Protein backbone atom coordinates (compact mmCIF):
# COMPACT_ATOMS: atom_id res chain seq x y z
CA MET A 1 2.34 26.15 24.78
CA VAL A 2 3.79 23.12 23.11
CA ARG A 3 2.18 20.13 21.26
CA VAL A 4 3.47 16.79 22.63
CA PHE A 5 2.90 13.16 22.25
CA VAL A 6 4.59 9.88 23.41
CA SER A 7 6.12 7.72 20.72
CA MET A 8 8.39 5.07 19.90
CA ASP A 9 10.27 5.74 16.77
CA VAL A 10 11.14 3.48 13.76
CA GLU A 11 14.50 4.31 12.61
CA ASN A 12 15.31 1.57 10.30
CA GLU A 13 16.70 2.13 6.73
CA ASN A 14 15.32 -1.22 5.42
CA VAL A 15 11.93 -0.36 6.58
CA SER A 16 11.98 3.24 5.46
CA ARG A 17 12.96 1.89 2.13
CA ARG A 18 10.11 -0.43 1.83
CA ILE A 19 7.68 2.08 3.14
CA LEU A 20 8.96 4.58 0.30
CA GLU A 21 8.15 1.73 -2.28
CA VAL A 22 4.73 1.39 -0.89
CA GLN A 23 4.17 5.25 -0.87
CA ARG A 24 5.23 5.32 -4.52
CA ARG A 25 2.95 2.60 -5.46
CA MET A 26 0.09 4.33 -3.55
CA VAL A 27 0.77 7.60 -5.57
CA GLU A 28 0.47 5.63 -8.79
CA THR A 29 -3.34 5.18 -7.79
CA GLY A 30 -3.83 8.83 -8.61
CA ALA A 31 -5.23 9.27 -5.09
CA ASP A 32 -4.92 12.81 -3.40
CA LEU A 33 -2.50 11.80 -0.56
CA LYS A 34 -0.12 13.66 1.80
CA LEU A 35 2.67 11.08 2.35
CA VAL A 36 4.54 10.96 5.69
CA ASP A 37 8.30 11.78 5.40
CA THR A 38 10.08 8.30 6.08
CA SER A 39 12.50 10.10 8.13
CA ILE A 40 10.11 10.70 10.97
CA LEU A 41 8.34 7.33 11.29
CA HIS A 42 6.91 6.82 14.65
CA LEU A 43 4.26 4.93 16.49
CA THR A 44 2.25 7.22 18.56
CA LEU A 45 1.37 5.62 22.09
CA PHE A 46 -0.42 8.68 23.50
CA PHE A 47 -1.22 12.01 21.85
CA ILE A 48 -1.33 14.62 24.78
CA GLY A 49 -1.85 17.65 22.48
CA GLU A 50 -1.09 21.30 23.58
CA VAL A 51 0.30 21.77 26.99
CA PRO A 52 2.06 24.62 28.82
CA GLU A 53 5.76 24.13 28.56
CA THR A 54 6.03 24.21 32.33
CA MET A 55 4.18 20.79 32.29
CA VAL A 56 6.82 18.96 30.32
CA ASN A 57 8.78 18.00 33.07
CA THR A 58 5.82 16.71 35.12
CA ILE A 59 4.94 14.60 32.04
CA CYS A 60 8.42 13.34 31.87
CA GLU A 61 8.22 12.43 35.54
CA ARG A 62 5.17 10.45 35.18
CA LEU A 63 6.56 8.52 31.85
CA SER A 64 9.65 7.50 33.71
CA GLN A 65 7.39 4.96 35.45
CA VAL A 66 6.58 3.34 31.94
CA ASP A 67 8.75 0.65 30.51
CA GLY A 68 10.59 2.48 27.95
CA SER A 69 12.72 -0.44 26.37
CA PRO A 70 12.65 -0.89 22.52
CA VAL A 71 10.25 -3.24 21.09
CA GLU A 72 10.90 -5.72 18.09
CA ILE A 73 8.06 -5.01 15.74
CA GLU A 74 6.96 -6.59 12.31
CA LEU A 75 5.16 -4.23 9.87
CA ARG A 76 2.86 -6.41 7.89
CA GLY A 77 -0.09 -5.24 5.72
CA ILE A 78 -1.72 -1.88 4.94
CA GLY A 79 -4.80 -0.62 6.60
CA ALA A 80 -6.80 2.34 7.02
CA PHE A 81 -8.67 4.63 9.45
CA PRO A 82 -11.70 4.99 9.92
CA THR A 83 -12.27 2.01 7.46
CA VAL A 84 -10.51 0.50 4.48
CA SER A 85 -13.64 1.72 2.31
CA GLN A 86 -13.50 5.19 3.54
CA PRO A 87 -9.81 6.01 4.26
CA ARG A 88 -8.57 9.16 5.72
CA VAL A 89 -5.29 7.74 7.22
CA VAL A 90 -3.50 5.13 5.49
CA PHE A 91 -0.93 2.92 7.78
CA ALA A 92 1.23 -0.13 8.08
CA LYS A 93 -0.15 -2.60 10.31
CA ILE A 94 1.82 -3.90 13.40
CA GLY A 95 2.13 -7.85 13.44
CA LYS A 96 4.75 -9.01 16.06
CA GLY A 97 5.15 -6.55 18.80
CA SER A 98 1.72 -5.19 18.76
CA GLY A 99 0.72 -6.69 22.23
CA GLU A 100 3.81 -4.96 23.84
CA LEU A 101 2.90 -1.59 22.33
CA VAL A 102 -0.58 -1.62 23.55
CA GLU A 103 0.77 -2.55 27.11
CA ARG A 104 3.22 0.61 26.80
CA ALA A 105 0.20 2.72 25.56
CA GLU A 106 -1.90 1.57 28.61
CA GLN A 107 1.06 2.21 30.88
CA ALA A 108 1.33 5.76 29.56
CA SER A 109 -2.21 6.17 29.77
CA GLU A 110 -2.35 5.27 33.43
CA ALA A 111 0.75 7.25 34.38
CA LEU A 112 -0.72 10.38 32.50
CA SER A 113 -4.10 9.89 33.82
CA LYS A 114 -2.80 10.79 37.20
CA ILE A 115 -1.98 14.43 36.10
CA GLY A 116 -5.38 14.91 34.12
CA PHE A 117 -4.69 13.38 30.72
CA ARG A 118 -7.04 10.82 29.11
CA MET A 119 -6.56 8.81 26.03
CA SER A 120 -9.18 9.97 23.44
CA GLU A 121 -9.79 6.49 22.00
CA GLN A 122 -8.72 3.00 22.15
CA PHE A 123 -5.03 2.49 21.20
CA HIS A 124 -4.60 0.51 17.83
CA PRO A 125 -0.81 0.16 17.18
CA HIS A 126 0.03 1.27 13.52
CA LEU A 127 2.55 3.34 11.57
CA THR A 128 0.87 6.22 9.56
CA ILE A 129 2.29 6.42 6.11
CA ALA A 130 -0.17 8.74 4.33
CA ARG A 131 -3.20 11.02 4.88
CA VAL A 132 -5.93 11.09 2.36
CA ARG A 133 -6.66 14.87 1.16
CA SER A 134 -9.76 14.19 -1.08
CA ARG A 135 -11.94 11.65 -2.70
CA LEU A 136 -9.89 11.65 -5.99
CA ASN A 137 -9.24 8.07 -7.30
CA MET A 138 -10.70 6.73 -3.88
CA ASP A 139 -11.90 3.50 -5.56
CA ARG A 140 -8.20 2.83 -6.82
CA LEU A 141 -6.74 3.68 -3.48
CA VAL A 142 -9.29 1.31 -1.58
CA LEU A 143 -8.30 -1.55 -4.16
CA PHE A 144 -4.53 -0.79 -3.44
CA ILE A 145 -5.11 -0.97 0.42
CA ARG A 146 -7.20 -4.21 0.04
CA SER A 147 -4.73 -6.01 -2.18
CA ASN A 148 -1.80 -5.15 0.04
CA GLY A 149 -3.58 -6.14 3.42
CA ASP A 150 -0.74 -8.57 4.19
CA ILE A 151 2.18 -7.36 2.45
CA LEU A 152 5.37 -7.75 4.53
CA ILE A 153 7.23 -4.39 4.98
CA GLY A 154 9.72 -5.72 7.54
CA GLU A 155 11.00 -5.90 11.13
CA ALA A 156 12.63 -3.25 13.17
CA LEU A 157 13.60 -2.61 16.77
CA THR A 158 11.77 0.55 17.93
CA SER A 159 13.48 3.38 19.69
CA ARG A 160 13.10 3.75 23.47
CA LEU A 161 10.02 5.47 24.88
CA ARG A 162 10.11 9.31 23.83
CA LEU A 163 8.08 12.53 24.47
CA LYS A 164 8.16 14.59 21.35
CA LYS A 165 7.27 18.03 20.32
CA SER A 166 5.36 18.42 17.27
CA THR A 167 5.51 21.83 15.37
CA LEU A 168 3.11 22.03 12.65
CA THR A 169 4.62 23.93 9.39
CA PRO A 170 3.25 24.17 5.78
CA ARG A 171 5.66 21.63 4.76
CA GLY A 172 4.60 19.01 7.45
CA PRO A 173 5.04 18.60 11.10
CA VAL A 174 8.56 18.92 12.62
CA TYR A 175 9.51 16.66 15.60
CA GLU A 176 11.92 17.02 18.27
CA THR A 177 12.73 14.76 21.25
CA LEU A 178 12.11 16.36 24.41
CA TRP A 179 12.61 13.19 26.62
CA GLU A 180 13.89 9.63 26.13
CA LYS A 181 13.55 6.90 28.84
CA ILE A 182 17.11 5.81 29.79
CA ASP A 183 16.95 2.56 31.99
């Protein structure tokens, strides 16, 4: 079995540097956070989950029907799931390019539904930058998120559409690109 998801990666040094600054400032709130390594920043368009390795080629064939060209995005503002007042995941919001990412996610969902995969919830374009581990200093973290709701992080061109394998380790996930859309 392999754990896989569909993504478009953000491989931009300036954006990574700005995310690191935001993460450093978040840590200063004293909140209990697990930061995302900026070397693996990505936009998950469709989380597939655990599948038999023999399914990977079929998944790639279905994804080959999706527009895989890069998308110009603007990262602007910090937000949280499920809500800003009860954050479990802290993310950078997507401004420009959000509509294109929603389209790609819908295309991927439609293509993968033909082989039995369903998107678990409505897609909201975002770039995860931290996960909240406990309620420690939650009030300070919430204030930080609210006061940075419109901070400009930067613009970037995403990678092409990719199918990524995720291996969970004690140090965090390790990602491997299994397939990339080549037009």
